[in-house]
PDB file of N, CA and C in Angstrom:
ATOM      1  N   MET A   1      16.475 -31.841  -4.114  1.00  0.00           N
ATOM      2  CA  MET A   1      16.052 -31.358  -2.814  1.00  0.00           C
ATOM      3  C   MET A   1      17.169 -31.539  -1.795  1.00  0.00           C
ATOM      4  N   LYS A   2      17.913 -32.649  -1.926  1.00  0.00           N
ATOM      5  CA  LYS A   2      19.003 -32.885  -0.995  1.00  0.00           C
ATOM      6  C   LYS A   2      20.104 -31.846  -1.176  1.00  0.00           C
ATOM      7  N   LYS A   3      20.311 -31.420  -2.415  1.00  0.00           N
ATOM      8  CA  LYS A   3      21.334 -30.404  -2.677  1.00  0.00           C
ATOM      9  C   LYS A   3      20.959 -29.070  -2.045  1.00  0.00           C
ATOM     10  N   ILE A   4      19.681 -28.734  -2.088  1.00  0.00           N
ATOM     11  CA  ILE A   4      19.224 -27.470  -1.505  1.00  0.00           C
ATOM     12  C   ILE A   4      19.396 -27.500   0.012  1.00  0.00           C
ATOM     13  N   ILE A   5      19.009 -28.592   0.629  1.00  0.00           N
ATOM     14  CA  ILE A   5      19.144 -28.707   2.083  1.00  0.00           C
ATOM     15  C   ILE A   5      20.611 -28.668   2.478  1.00  0.00           C
ATOM     16  N   LEU A   6      21.450 -29.370   1.730  1.00  0.00           N
ATOM     17  CA  LEU A   6      22.881 -29.364   2.010  1.00  0.00           C
ATOM     18  C   LEU A   6      23.467 -27.968   1.852  1.00  0.00           C
ATOM     19  N   THR A   7      23.032 -27.249   0.826  1.00  0.00           N
ATOM     20  CA  THR A   7      23.508 -25.879   0.614  1.00  0.00           C
ATOM     21  C   THR A   7      23.093 -24.975   1.763  1.00  0.00           C
ATOM     22  N   LEU A   8      21.867 -25.097   2.231  1.00  0.00           N
ATOM     23  CA  LEU A   8      21.399 -24.274   3.347  1.00  0.00           C
ATOM     24  C   LEU A   8      22.173 -24.588   4.630  1.00  0.00           C
ATOM     25  N   ILE A   9      22.456 -25.853   4.858  1.00  0.00           N
ATOM     26  CA  ILE A   9      23.219 -26.230   6.050  1.00  0.00           C
ATOM     27  C   ILE A   9      24.634 -25.675   5.972  1.00  0.00           C
ATOM     28  N   LEU A  10      25.248 -25.788   4.808  1.00  0.00           N
ATOM     29  CA  LEU A  10      26.604 -25.252   4.648  1.00  0.00           C
ATOM     30  C   LEU A  10      26.634 -23.733   4.785  1.00  0.00           C
ATOM     31  N   ALA A  11      25.653 -23.044   4.218  1.00  0.00           N
ATOM     32  CA  ALA A  11      25.598 -21.585   4.339  1.00  0.00           C
ATOM     33  C   ALA A  11      25.402 -21.182   5.803  1.00  0.00           C
ATOM     34  N   GLY A  12      24.571 -21.918   6.514  1.00  0.00           N
ATOM     35  CA  GLY A  12      24.369 -21.624   7.934  1.00  0.00           C
ATOM     36  C   GLY A  12      25.615 -21.857   8.748  1.00  0.00           C
ATOM     37  N   SER A  13      26.360 -22.893   8.396  1.00  0.00           N
ATOM     38  CA  SER A  13      27.588 -23.165   9.149  1.00  0.00           C
ATOM     39  C   SER A  13      28.670 -22.139   8.850  1.00  0.00           C
ATOM     40  N   LEU A  14      28.602 -21.473   7.711  1.00  0.00           N
ATOM     41  CA  LEU A  14      29.562 -20.416   7.412  1.00  0.00           C
ATOM     42  C   LEU A  14      29.260 -19.129   8.181  1.00  0.00           C
ATOM     43  N   VAL A  15      28.010 -18.942   8.564  1.00  0.00           N
ATOM     44  CA  VAL A  15      27.621 -17.730   9.283  1.00  0.00           C
ATOM     45  C   VAL A  15      27.938 -17.839  10.773  1.00  0.00           C
ATOM     46  N   LEU A  16      27.918 -19.037  11.323  1.00  0.00           N
ATOM     47  CA  LEU A  16      28.117 -19.212  12.763  1.00  0.00           C
ATOM     48  C   LEU A  16      29.444 -18.652  13.271  1.00  0.00           C
ATOM     49  N   PRO A  17      30.579 -18.889  12.629  1.00  0.00           N
ATOM     50  CA  PRO A  17      31.823 -18.315  13.157  1.00  0.00           C
ATOM     51  C   PRO A  17      31.801 -16.793  13.209  1.00  0.00           C
ATOM     52  N   VAL A  18      31.152 -16.182  12.249  1.00  0.00           N
ATOM     53  CA  VAL A  18      31.052 -14.719  12.245  1.00  0.00           C
ATOM     54  C   VAL A  18      30.259 -14.239  13.448  1.00  0.00           C
ATOM     55  N   LEU A  19      29.199 -14.951  13.780  1.00  0.00           N
ATOM     56  CA  LEU A  19      28.393 -14.563  14.926  1.00  0.00           C
ATOM     57  C   LEU A  19      29.185 -14.691  16.226  1.00  0.00           C
ATOM     58  N   PHE A  20      29.950 -15.774  16.369  1.00  0.00           N
ATOM     59  CA  PHE A  20      30.702 -15.979  17.597  1.00  0.00           C
ATOM     60  C   PHE A  20      31.848 -14.982  17.727  1.00  0.00           C
ATOM     61  N   VAL A  21      32.500 -14.647  16.647  1.00  0.00           N
ATOM     62  CA  VAL A  21      33.616 -13.697  16.693  1.00  0.00           C
ATOM     63  C   VAL A  21      33.111 -12.303  17.013  1.00  0.00           C
ATOM     64  N   ASN A  22      32.012 -11.909  16.394  1.00  0.00           N
ATOM     65  CA  ASN A  22      31.501 -10.562  16.600  1.00  0.00           C
ATOM     66  C   ASN A  22      30.761 -10.406  17.919  1.00  0.00           C
ATOM     67  N   ALA A  23      30.504 -11.477  18.626  1.00  0.00           N
ATOM     68  CA  ALA A  23      29.798 -11.387  19.897  1.00  0.00           C
ATOM     69  C   ALA A  23      30.646 -10.687  20.956  1.00  0.00           C
ATOM     70  N   GLN A  24      31.967 -10.767  20.862  1.00  0.00           N
ATOM     71  CA  GLN A  24      32.846 -10.188  21.862  1.00  0.00           C
ATOM     72  C   GLN A  24      33.421  -8.843  21.437  1.00  0.00           C
ATOM     73  N   GLN A  25      33.297  -8.474  20.199  1.00  0.00           N
ATOM     74  CA  GLN A  25      33.909  -7.250  19.709  1.00  0.00           C
ATOM     75  C   GLN A  25      32.910  -6.098  19.707  1.00  0.00           C
ATOM     76  N   GLN A  26      33.456  -4.905  19.784  1.00  0.00           N
ATOM     77  CA  GLN A  26      32.637  -3.714  19.651  1.00  0.00           C
ATOM     78  C   GLN A  26      32.399  -3.450  18.168  1.00  0.00           C
ATOM     79  N   PRO A  27      31.272  -2.845  17.810  1.00  0.00           N
ATOM     80  CA  PRO A  27      31.031  -2.537  16.405  1.00  0.00           C
ATOM     81  C   PRO A  27      32.095  -1.574  15.871  1.00  0.00           C
ATOM     82  N   VAL A  28      32.469  -1.778  14.643  1.00  0.00           N
ATOM     83  CA  VAL A  28      33.538  -0.989  14.043  1.00  0.00           C
ATOM     84  C   VAL A  28      33.023   0.345  13.550  1.00  0.00           C
ATOM     85  N   ALA A  29      31.915   0.341  12.883  1.00  0.00           N
ATOM     86  CA  ALA A  29      31.397   1.571  12.293  1.00  0.00           C
ATOM     87  C   ALA A  29      29.910   1.681  12.581  1.00  0.00           C
ATOM     88  N   GLU A  30      29.411   2.870  12.416  1.00  0.00           N
ATOM     89  CA  GLU A  30      27.996   3.118  12.635  1.00  0.00           C
ATOM     90  C   GLU A  30      27.372   3.549  11.323  1.00  0.00           C
ATOM     91  N   ILE A  31      26.229   2.966  11.002  1.00  0.00           N
ATOM     92  CA  ILE A  31      25.519   3.370   9.801  1.00  0.00           C
ATOM     93  C   ILE A  31      24.664   4.575  10.168  1.00  0.00           C
ATOM     94  N   PRO A  32      24.900   5.704   9.542  1.00  0.00           N
ATOM     95  CA  PRO A  32      24.100   6.883   9.879  1.00  0.00           C
ATOM     96  C   PRO A  32      22.669   6.727   9.373  1.00  0.00           C
ATOM     97  N   ASP A  33      21.747   7.339  10.077  1.00  0.00           N
ATOM     98  CA  ASP A  33      20.347   7.304   9.662  1.00  0.00           C
ATOM     99  C   ASP A  33      20.086   8.462   8.706  1.00  0.00           C
ATOM    100  N   LEU A  34      20.596   8.336   7.525  1.00  0.00           N
ATOM    101  CA  LEU A  34      20.412   9.336   6.493  1.00  0.00           C
ATOM    102  C   LEU A  34      19.149   9.034   5.705  1.00  0.00           C
ATOM    103  N   PRO A  35      18.590  10.030   5.073  1.00  0.00           N
ATOM    104  CA  PRO A  35      17.400   9.760   4.256  1.00  0.00           C
ATOM    105  C   PRO A  35      17.673   8.727   3.150  1.00  0.00           C
ATOM    106  N   VAL A  36      18.908   8.682   2.657  1.00  0.00           N
ATOM    107  CA  VAL A  36      19.238   7.715   1.606  1.00  0.00           C
ATOM    108  C   VAL A  36      19.144   6.297   2.158  1.00  0.00           C
ATOM    109  N   VAL A  37      19.684   6.078   3.364  1.00  0.00           N
ATOM    110  CA  VAL A  37      19.639   4.749   3.975  1.00  0.00           C
ATOM    111  C   VAL A  37      18.195   4.350   4.258  1.00  0.00           C
ATOM    112  N   GLN A  38      17.410   5.283   4.769  1.00  0.00           N
ATOM    113  CA  GLN A  38      16.003   4.986   5.045  1.00  0.00           C
ATOM    114  C   GLN A  38      15.242   4.686   3.762  1.00  0.00           C
ATOM    115  N   THR A  39      15.554   5.422   2.694  1.00  0.00           N
ATOM    116  CA  THR A  39      14.902   5.182   1.411  1.00  0.00           C
ATOM    117  C   THR A  39      15.261   3.809   0.869  1.00  0.00           C
ATOM    118  N   LEU A  40      16.539   3.428   0.965  1.00  0.00           N
ATOM    119  CA  LEU A  40      16.954   2.112   0.499  1.00  0.00           C
ATOM    120  C   LEU A  40      16.310   0.994   1.320  1.00  0.00           C
ATOM    121  N   GLU A  41      16.181   1.190   2.619  1.00  0.00           N
ATOM    122  CA  GLU A  41      15.514   0.192   3.452  1.00  0.00           C
ATOM    123  C   GLU A  41      14.041   0.060   3.075  1.00  0.00           C
ATOM    124  N   THR A  42      13.398   1.179   2.773  1.00  0.00           N
ATOM    125  CA  THR A  42      11.998   1.150   2.356  1.00  0.00           C
ATOM    126  C   THR A  42      11.843   0.412   1.033  1.00  0.00           C
ATOM    127  N   ILE A  43      12.743   0.686   0.088  1.00  0.00           N
ATOM    128  CA  ILE A  43      12.693   0.006  -1.206  1.00  0.00           C
ATOM    129  C   ILE A  43      12.933  -1.494  -1.022  1.00  0.00           C
ATOM    130  N   ALA A  44      13.892  -1.845  -0.185  1.00  0.00           N
ATOM    131  CA  ALA A  44      14.176  -3.258   0.067  1.00  0.00           C
ATOM    132  C   ALA A  44      12.971  -3.952   0.696  1.00  0.00           C
ATOM    133  N   ASN A  45      12.276  -3.275   1.606  1.00  0.00           N
ATOM    134  CA  ASN A  45      11.079  -3.854   2.219  1.00  0.00           C
ATOM    135  C   ASN A  45       9.987  -4.094   1.174  1.00  0.00           C
ATOM    136  N   TRP A  46       9.775  -3.130   0.292  1.00  0.00           N
ATOM    137  CA  TRP A  46       8.768  -3.285  -0.753  1.00  0.00           C
ATOM    138  C   TRP A  46       9.104  -4.452  -1.670  1.00  0.00           C
ATOM    139  N   ILE A  47      10.372  -4.552  -2.070  1.00  0.00           N
ATOM    140  CA  ILE A  47      10.788  -5.651  -2.945  1.00  0.00           C
ATOM    141  C   ILE A  47      10.587  -6.990  -2.250  1.00  0.00           C
ATOM    142  N   PHE A  48      10.905  -7.054  -0.959  1.00  0.00           N
ATOM    143  CA  PHE A  48      10.726  -8.287  -0.197  1.00  0.00           C
ATOM    144  C   PHE A  48       9.263  -8.724  -0.194  1.00  0.00           C
ATOM    145  N   TYR A  49       8.366  -7.795   0.095  1.00  0.00           N
ATOM    146  CA  TYR A  49       6.953  -8.148   0.151  1.00  0.00           C
ATOM    147  C   TYR A  49       6.406  -8.506  -1.237  1.00  0.00           C
ATOM    148  N   ILE A  50       6.870  -7.842  -2.268  1.00  0.00           N
ATOM    149  CA  ILE A  50       6.442  -8.171  -3.626  1.00  0.00           C
ATOM    150  C   ILE A  50       6.910  -9.572  -3.994  1.00  0.00           C
ATOM    151  N   LEU A  51       8.161  -9.920  -3.636  1.00  0.00           N
ATOM    152  CA  LEU A  51       8.667 -11.262  -3.916  1.00  0.00           C
ATOM    153  C   LEU A  51       7.837 -12.335  -3.213  1.00  0.00           C
ATOM    154  N   LEU A  52       7.488 -12.085  -1.954  1.00  0.00           N
ATOM    155  CA  LEU A  52       6.660 -13.058  -1.232  1.00  0.00           C
ATOM    156  C   LEU A  52       5.287 -13.204  -1.868  1.00  0.00           C
ATOM    157  N   PHE A  53       4.723 -12.087  -2.305  1.00  0.00           N
ATOM    158  CA  PHE A  53       3.406 -12.117  -2.937  1.00  0.00           C
ATOM    159  C   PHE A  53       3.455 -12.901  -4.249  1.00  0.00           C
ATOM    160  N   VAL A  54       4.483 -12.651  -5.064  1.00  0.00           N
ATOM    161  CA  VAL A  54       4.623 -13.348  -6.339  1.00  0.00           C
ATOM    162  C   VAL A  54       4.845 -14.848  -6.106  1.00  0.00           C
ATOM    163  N   ALA A  55       5.659 -15.192  -5.108  1.00  0.00           N
ATOM    164  CA  ALA A  55       5.892 -16.610  -4.799  1.00  0.00           C
ATOM    165  C   ALA A  55       4.600 -17.284  -4.361  1.00  0.00           C
ATOM    166  N   ALA A  56       3.796 -16.593  -3.574  1.00  0.00           N
ATOM    167  CA  ALA A  56       2.511 -17.163  -3.148  1.00  0.00           C
ATOM    168  C   ALA A  56       1.592 -17.384  -4.347  1.00  0.00           C
ATOM    169  N   ILE A  57       1.596 -16.461  -5.294  1.00  0.00           N
ATOM    170  CA  ILE A  57       0.785 -16.623  -6.498  1.00  0.00           C
ATOM    171  C   ILE A  57       1.248 -17.851  -7.288  1.00  0.00           C
ATOM    172  N   PHE A  58       2.564 -18.028  -7.404  1.00  0.00           N
ATOM    173  CA  PHE A  58       3.076 -19.183  -8.133  1.00  0.00           C
ATOM    174  C   PHE A  58       2.742 -20.496  -7.430  1.00  0.00           C
ATOM    175  N   ILE A  59       2.714 -20.481  -6.119  1.00  0.00           N
ATOM    176  CA  ILE A  59       2.321 -21.698  -5.396  1.00  0.00           C
ATOM    177  C   ILE A  59       0.852 -22.027  -5.660  1.00  0.00           C
ATOM    178  N   VAL A  60      -0.004 -21.018  -5.719  1.00  0.00           N
ATOM    179  CA  VAL A  60      -1.417 -21.245  -6.035  1.00  0.00           C
ATOM    180  C   VAL A  60      -1.565 -21.761  -7.464  1.00  0.00           C
ATOM    181  N   ILE A  61      -0.807 -21.161  -8.395  1.00  0.00           N
ATOM    182  CA  ILE A  61      -0.861 -21.626  -9.786  1.00  0.00           C
ATOM    183  C   ILE A  61      -0.400 -23.078  -9.883  1.00  0.00           C
ATOM    184  N   ALA A  62       0.653 -23.418  -9.154  1.00  0.00           N
ATOM    185  CA  ALA A  62       1.138 -24.799  -9.158  1.00  0.00           C
ATOM    186  C   ALA A  62       0.106 -25.748  -8.561  1.00  0.00           C
ATOM    187  N   GLY A  63      -0.606 -25.317  -7.536  1.00  0.00           N
ATOM    188  CA  GLY A  63      -1.661 -26.142  -6.950  1.00  0.00           C
ATOM    189  C   GLY A  63      -2.773 -26.416  -7.946  1.00  0.00           C
ATOM    190  N   VAL A  64      -3.144 -25.397  -8.704  1.00  0.00           N
ATOM    191  CA  VAL A  64      -4.156 -25.588  -9.741  1.00  0.00           C
ATOM    192  C   VAL A  64      -3.628 -26.539 -10.816  1.00  0.00           C
ATOM    193  N   SER A  65      -2.349 -26.417 -11.134  1.00  0.00           N
ATOM    194  CA  SER A  65      -1.746 -27.313 -12.136  1.00  0.00           C
ATOM    195  C   SER A  65      -1.739 -28.761 -11.639  1.00  0.00           C
ATOM    196  N   PHE A  66      -1.478 -28.950 -10.333  1.00  0.00           N
ATOM    197  CA  PHE A  66      -1.538 -30.300  -9.766  1.00  0.00           C
ATOM    198  C   PHE A  66      -2.928 -30.903  -9.939  1.00  0.00           C
ATOM    199  N   VAL A  67      -3.931 -30.101  -9.656  1.00  0.00           N
ATOM    200  CA  VAL A  67      -5.303 -30.605  -9.721  1.00  0.00           C
ATOM    201  C   VAL A  67      -5.711 -30.893 -11.158  1.00  0.00           C
ATOM    202  N   THR A  68      -5.296 -30.059 -12.093  1.00  0.00           N
ATOM    203  CA  THR A  68      -5.708 -30.222 -13.487  1.00  0.00           C
ATOM    204  C   THR A  68      -4.758 -31.099 -14.299  1.00  0.00           C
ATOM    205  N   ALA A  69      -3.737 -31.679 -13.689  1.00  0.00           N
ATOM    206  CA  ALA A  69      -2.783 -32.518 -14.422  1.00  0.00           C
ATOM    207  C   ALA A  69      -3.435 -33.791 -14.941  1.00  0.00           C
ATOM    208  N   GLN A  70      -4.396 -34.326 -14.243  1.00  0.00           N
ATOM    209  CA  GLN A  70      -5.162 -35.501 -14.641  1.00  0.00           C
ATOM    210  C   GLN A  70      -4.268 -36.685 -14.999  1.00  0.00           C
ATOM    211  N   GLY A  71      -3.232 -36.890 -14.196  1.00  0.00           N
ATOM    212  CA  GLY A  71      -2.379 -38.053 -14.393  1.00  0.00           C
ATOM    213  C   GLY A  71      -1.299 -37.876 -15.447  1.00  0.00           C
ATOM    214  N   ASP A  72      -1.213 -36.714 -16.072  1.00  0.00           N
ATOM    215  CA  ASP A  72      -0.173 -36.465 -17.074  1.00  0.00           C
ATOM    216  C   ASP A  72       1.158 -36.206 -16.359  1.00  0.00           C
ATOM    217  N   PRO A  73       2.152 -37.074 -16.547  1.00  0.00           N
ATOM    218  CA  PRO A  73       3.413 -36.925 -15.813  1.00  0.00           C
ATOM    219  C   PRO A  73       4.152 -35.628 -16.141  1.00  0.00           C
ATOM    220  N   GLU A  74       4.024 -35.160 -17.373  1.00  0.00           N
ATOM    221  CA  GLU A  74       4.716 -33.924 -17.763  1.00  0.00           C
ATOM    222  C   GLU A  74       4.131 -32.709 -17.040  1.00  0.00           C
ATOM    223  N   LYS A  75       2.807 -32.622 -16.989  1.00  0.00           N
ATOM    224  CA  LYS A  75       2.156 -31.519 -16.280  1.00  0.00           C
ATOM    225  C   LYS A  75       2.434 -31.598 -14.780  1.00  0.00           C
ATOM    226  N   PHE A  76       2.436 -32.826 -14.256  1.00  0.00           N
ATOM    227  CA  PHE A  76       2.709 -33.018 -12.835  1.00  0.00           C
ATOM    228  C   PHE A  76       4.128 -32.558 -12.493  1.00  0.00           C
ATOM    229  N   LYS A  77       5.102 -32.913 -13.344  1.00  0.00           N
ATOM    230  CA  LYS A  77       6.492 -32.505 -13.111  1.00  0.00           C
ATOM    231  C   LYS A  77       6.636 -30.990 -13.214  1.00  0.00           C
ATOM    232  N   LYS A  78       5.933 -30.381 -14.169  1.00  0.00           N
ATOM    233  CA  LYS A  78       5.993 -28.928 -14.317  1.00  0.00           C
ATOM    234  C   LYS A  78       5.426 -28.231 -13.076  1.00  0.00           C
ATOM    235  N   ALA A  79       4.317 -28.749 -12.554  1.00  0.00           N
ATOM    236  CA  ALA A  79       3.720 -28.169 -11.347  1.00  0.00           C
ATOM    237  C   ALA A  79       4.645 -28.358 -10.145  1.00  0.00           C
ATOM    238  N   LYS A  80       5.257 -29.523 -10.056  1.00  0.00           N
ATOM    239  CA  LYS A  80       6.184 -29.806  -8.957  1.00  0.00           C
ATOM    240  C   LYS A  80       7.396 -28.865  -9.019  1.00  0.00           C
ATOM    241  N   ASP A  81       7.915 -28.642 -10.225  1.00  0.00           N
ATOM    242  CA  ASP A  81       9.042 -27.718 -10.391  1.00  0.00           C
ATOM    243  C   ASP A  81       8.643 -26.287 -10.039  1.00  0.00           C
ATOM    244  N   THR A  82       7.419 -25.907 -10.376  1.00  0.00           N
ATOM    245  CA  THR A  82       6.942 -24.562 -10.045  1.00  0.00           C
ATOM    246  C   THR A  82       6.898 -24.367  -8.534  1.00  0.00           C
ATOM    247  N   VAL A  83       6.419 -25.357  -7.810  1.00  0.00           N
ATOM    248  CA  VAL A  83       6.394 -25.268  -6.342  1.00  0.00           C
ATOM    249  C   VAL A  83       7.821 -25.181  -5.808  1.00  0.00           C
ATOM    250  N   LEU A  84       8.703 -25.992  -6.345  1.00  0.00           N
ATOM    251  CA  LEU A  84      10.098 -25.983  -5.899  1.00  0.00           C
ATOM    252  C   LEU A  84      10.734 -24.614  -6.111  1.00  0.00           C
ATOM    253  N   TYR A  85      10.533 -24.037  -7.291  1.00  0.00           N
ATOM    254  CA  TYR A  85      11.122 -22.730  -7.576  1.00  0.00           C
ATOM    255  C   TYR A  85      10.514 -21.630  -6.715  1.00  0.00           C
ATOM    256  N   ALA A  86       9.229 -21.733  -6.436  1.00  0.00           N
ATOM    257  CA  ALA A  86       8.589 -20.743  -5.573  1.00  0.00           C
ATOM    258  C   ALA A  86       9.140 -20.837  -4.149  1.00  0.00           C
ATOM    259  N   VAL A  87       9.319 -22.047  -3.661  1.00  0.00           N
ATOM    260  CA  VAL A  87       9.875 -22.225  -2.311  1.00  0.00           C
ATOM    261  C   VAL A  87      11.319 -21.735  -2.261  1.00  0.00           C
ATOM    262  N   VAL A  88      12.091 -22.020  -3.305  1.00  0.00           N
ATOM    263  CA  VAL A  88      13.467 -21.516  -3.358  1.00  0.00           C
ATOM    264  C   VAL A  88      13.464 -19.985  -3.375  1.00  0.00           C
ATOM    265  N   GLY A  89      12.535 -19.386  -4.092  1.00  0.00           N
ATOM    266  CA  GLY A  89      12.419 -17.927  -4.108  1.00  0.00           C
ATOM    267  C   GLY A  89      12.105 -17.368  -2.731  1.00  0.00           C
ATOM    268  N   ILE A  90      11.224 -18.031  -2.000  1.00  0.00           N
ATOM    269  CA  ILE A  90      10.892 -17.588  -0.643  1.00  0.00           C
ATOM    270  C   ILE A  90      12.107 -17.713   0.264  1.00  0.00           C
ATOM    271  N   VAL A  91      12.831 -18.822   0.143  1.00  0.00           N
ATOM    272  CA  VAL A  91      14.024 -19.026   0.976  1.00  0.00           C
ATOM    273  C   VAL A  91      15.078 -17.966   0.672  1.00  0.00           C
ATOM    274  N   VAL A  92      15.285 -17.663  -0.606  1.00  0.00           N
ATOM    275  CA  VAL A  92      16.267 -16.639  -0.979  1.00  0.00           C
ATOM    276  C   VAL A  92      15.845 -15.273  -0.445  1.00  0.00           C
ATOM    277  N   ALA A  93      14.565 -14.958  -0.533  1.00  0.00           N
ATOM    278  CA  ALA A  93      14.075 -13.678  -0.018  1.00  0.00           C
ATOM    279  C   ALA A  93      14.277 -13.592   1.498  1.00  0.00           C
ATOM    280  N   LEU A  94      13.973 -14.678   2.208  1.00  0.00           N
ATOM    281  CA  LEU A  94      14.154 -14.676   3.663  1.00  0.00           C
ATOM    282  C   LEU A  94      15.631 -14.605   4.048  1.00  0.00           C
ATOM    283  N   LEU A  95      16.487 -15.320   3.312  1.00  0.00           N
ATOM    284  CA  LEU A  95      17.921 -15.258   3.601  1.00  0.00           C
ATOM    285  C   LEU A  95      18.484 -13.860   3.335  1.00  0.00           C
ATOM    286  N   SER A  96      18.036 -13.232   2.266  1.00  0.00           N
ATOM    287  CA  SER A  96      18.529 -11.887   1.988  1.00  0.00           C
ATOM    288  C   SER A  96      18.077 -10.908   3.066  1.00  0.00           C
ATOM    289  N   ARG A  97      16.867 -11.077   3.525  1.00  0.00           N
ATOM    290  CA  ARG A  97      16.365 -10.218   4.609  1.00  0.00           C
ATOM    291  C   ARG A  97      17.153 -10.472   5.902  1.00  0.00           C
ATOM    292  N   GLY A  98      17.479 -11.735   6.164  1.00  0.00           N
ATOM    293  CA  GLY A  98      18.261 -12.078   7.354  1.00  0.00           C
ATOM    294  C   GLY A  98      19.678 -11.543   7.284  1.00  0.00           C
ATOM    295  N   ILE A  99      20.285 -11.588   6.107  1.00  0.00           N
ATOM    296  CA  ILE A  99      21.649 -11.067   5.961  1.00  0.00           C
ATOM    297  C   ILE A  99      21.668  -9.562   6.178  1.00  0.00           C
ATOM    298  N   VAL A 100      20.672  -8.855   5.663  1.00  0.00           N
ATOM    299  CA  VAL A 100      20.596  -7.407   5.880  1.00  0.00           C
ATOM    300  C   VAL A 100      20.422  -7.097   7.364  1.00  0.00           C
ATOM    301  N   ALA A 101      19.585  -7.863   8.045  1.00  0.00           N
ATOM    302  CA  ALA A 101      19.395  -7.656   9.483  1.00  0.00           C
ATOM    303  C   ALA A 101      20.671  -7.955  10.251  1.00  0.00           C
ATOM    304  N   LEU A 102      21.386  -8.993   9.851  1.00  0.00           N
ATOM    305  CA  LEU A 102      22.644  -9.344  10.496  1.00  0.00           C
ATOM    306  C   LEU A 102      23.680  -8.246  10.321  1.00  0.00           C
ATOM    307  N   VAL A 103      23.785  -7.713   9.128  1.00  0.00           N
ATOM    308  CA  VAL A 103      24.737  -6.629   8.878  1.00  0.00           C
ATOM    309  C   VAL A 103      24.357  -5.390   9.673  1.00  0.00           C
ATOM    310  N   ASN A 104      23.076  -5.094   9.758  1.00  0.00           N
ATOM    311  CA  ASN A 104      22.644  -3.934  10.545  1.00  0.00           C
ATOM    312  C   ASN A 104      22.957  -4.092  12.017  1.00  0.00           C
ATOM    313  N   THR A 105      22.775  -5.284  12.577  1.00  0.00           N
ATOM    314  CA  THR A 105      23.064  -5.471  13.994  1.00  0.00           C
ATOM    315  C   THR A 105      24.565  -5.471  14.263  1.00  0.00           C
ATOM    316  N   VAL A 106      25.352  -5.929  13.318  1.00  0.00           N
ATOM    317  CA  VAL A 106      26.801  -5.950  13.513  1.00  0.00           C
ATOM    318  C   VAL A 106      27.371  -4.538  13.419  1.00  0.00           C
ATOM    319  N   LEU A 107      26.864  -3.725  12.503  1.00  0.00           N
ATOM    320  CA  LEU A 107      27.438  -2.402  12.271  1.00  0.00           C
ATOM    321  C   LEU A 107      26.861  -1.322  13.167  1.00  0.00           C
ATOM    322  N   ARG A 108      25.696  -1.514  13.710  1.00  0.00           N
ATOM    323  CA  ARG A 108      25.110  -0.479  14.586  1.00  0.00           C
ATOM    324  C   ARG A 108      25.585  -0.710  16.021  1.00  0.00           C
ATOM    325  N   PRO A 109      25.909   0.383  16.730  1.00  0.00           N
ATOM    326  CA  PRO A 109      26.317   0.234  18.135  1.00  0.00           C
ATOM    327  C   PRO A 109      25.129  -0.137  19.013  1.00  0.00           C
ATOM    328  N   MET A 110      25.405  -0.823  20.089  1.00  0.00           N
ATOM    329  CA  MET A 110      24.357  -1.255  20.997  1.00  0.00           C
ATOM    330  C   MET A 110      23.930  -0.117  21.890  1.00  0.00           C
TER     331      MET A 110
END
C-alpha cells in the first residue's frame, strides 16, 4: 500500500511542472472536432464506465468473500487482494480519464 501511495505522489509531482509551464504558453495545436475524434471519445467514455462497473462488482464480491471467510486466513487474504486490485483499477481508470482531460485542455485553444 505504501508503494502505491508513493507511486501516486511521484506521478502527481511529475505532472505539476507541465501544468505550470503550460499555464503561460498559448496552445500549440488544435484538435479538430471530427467524427473520428468524437467516436473515439464516446468509446473511451463507454470503456471508462464499464471499468468502474466491473470494479464495483469486484468490490461487492470481495465483501461477500470477507463475510464468508469464517476466519480462514487464505480466504481473507484473497478477499483483501481483490479489494486492493479493484481500487487500483478504479485509480488507473480515473488517472487515464484525467490525463485525457489534461491533454484536451492543453491542446484546445481557450
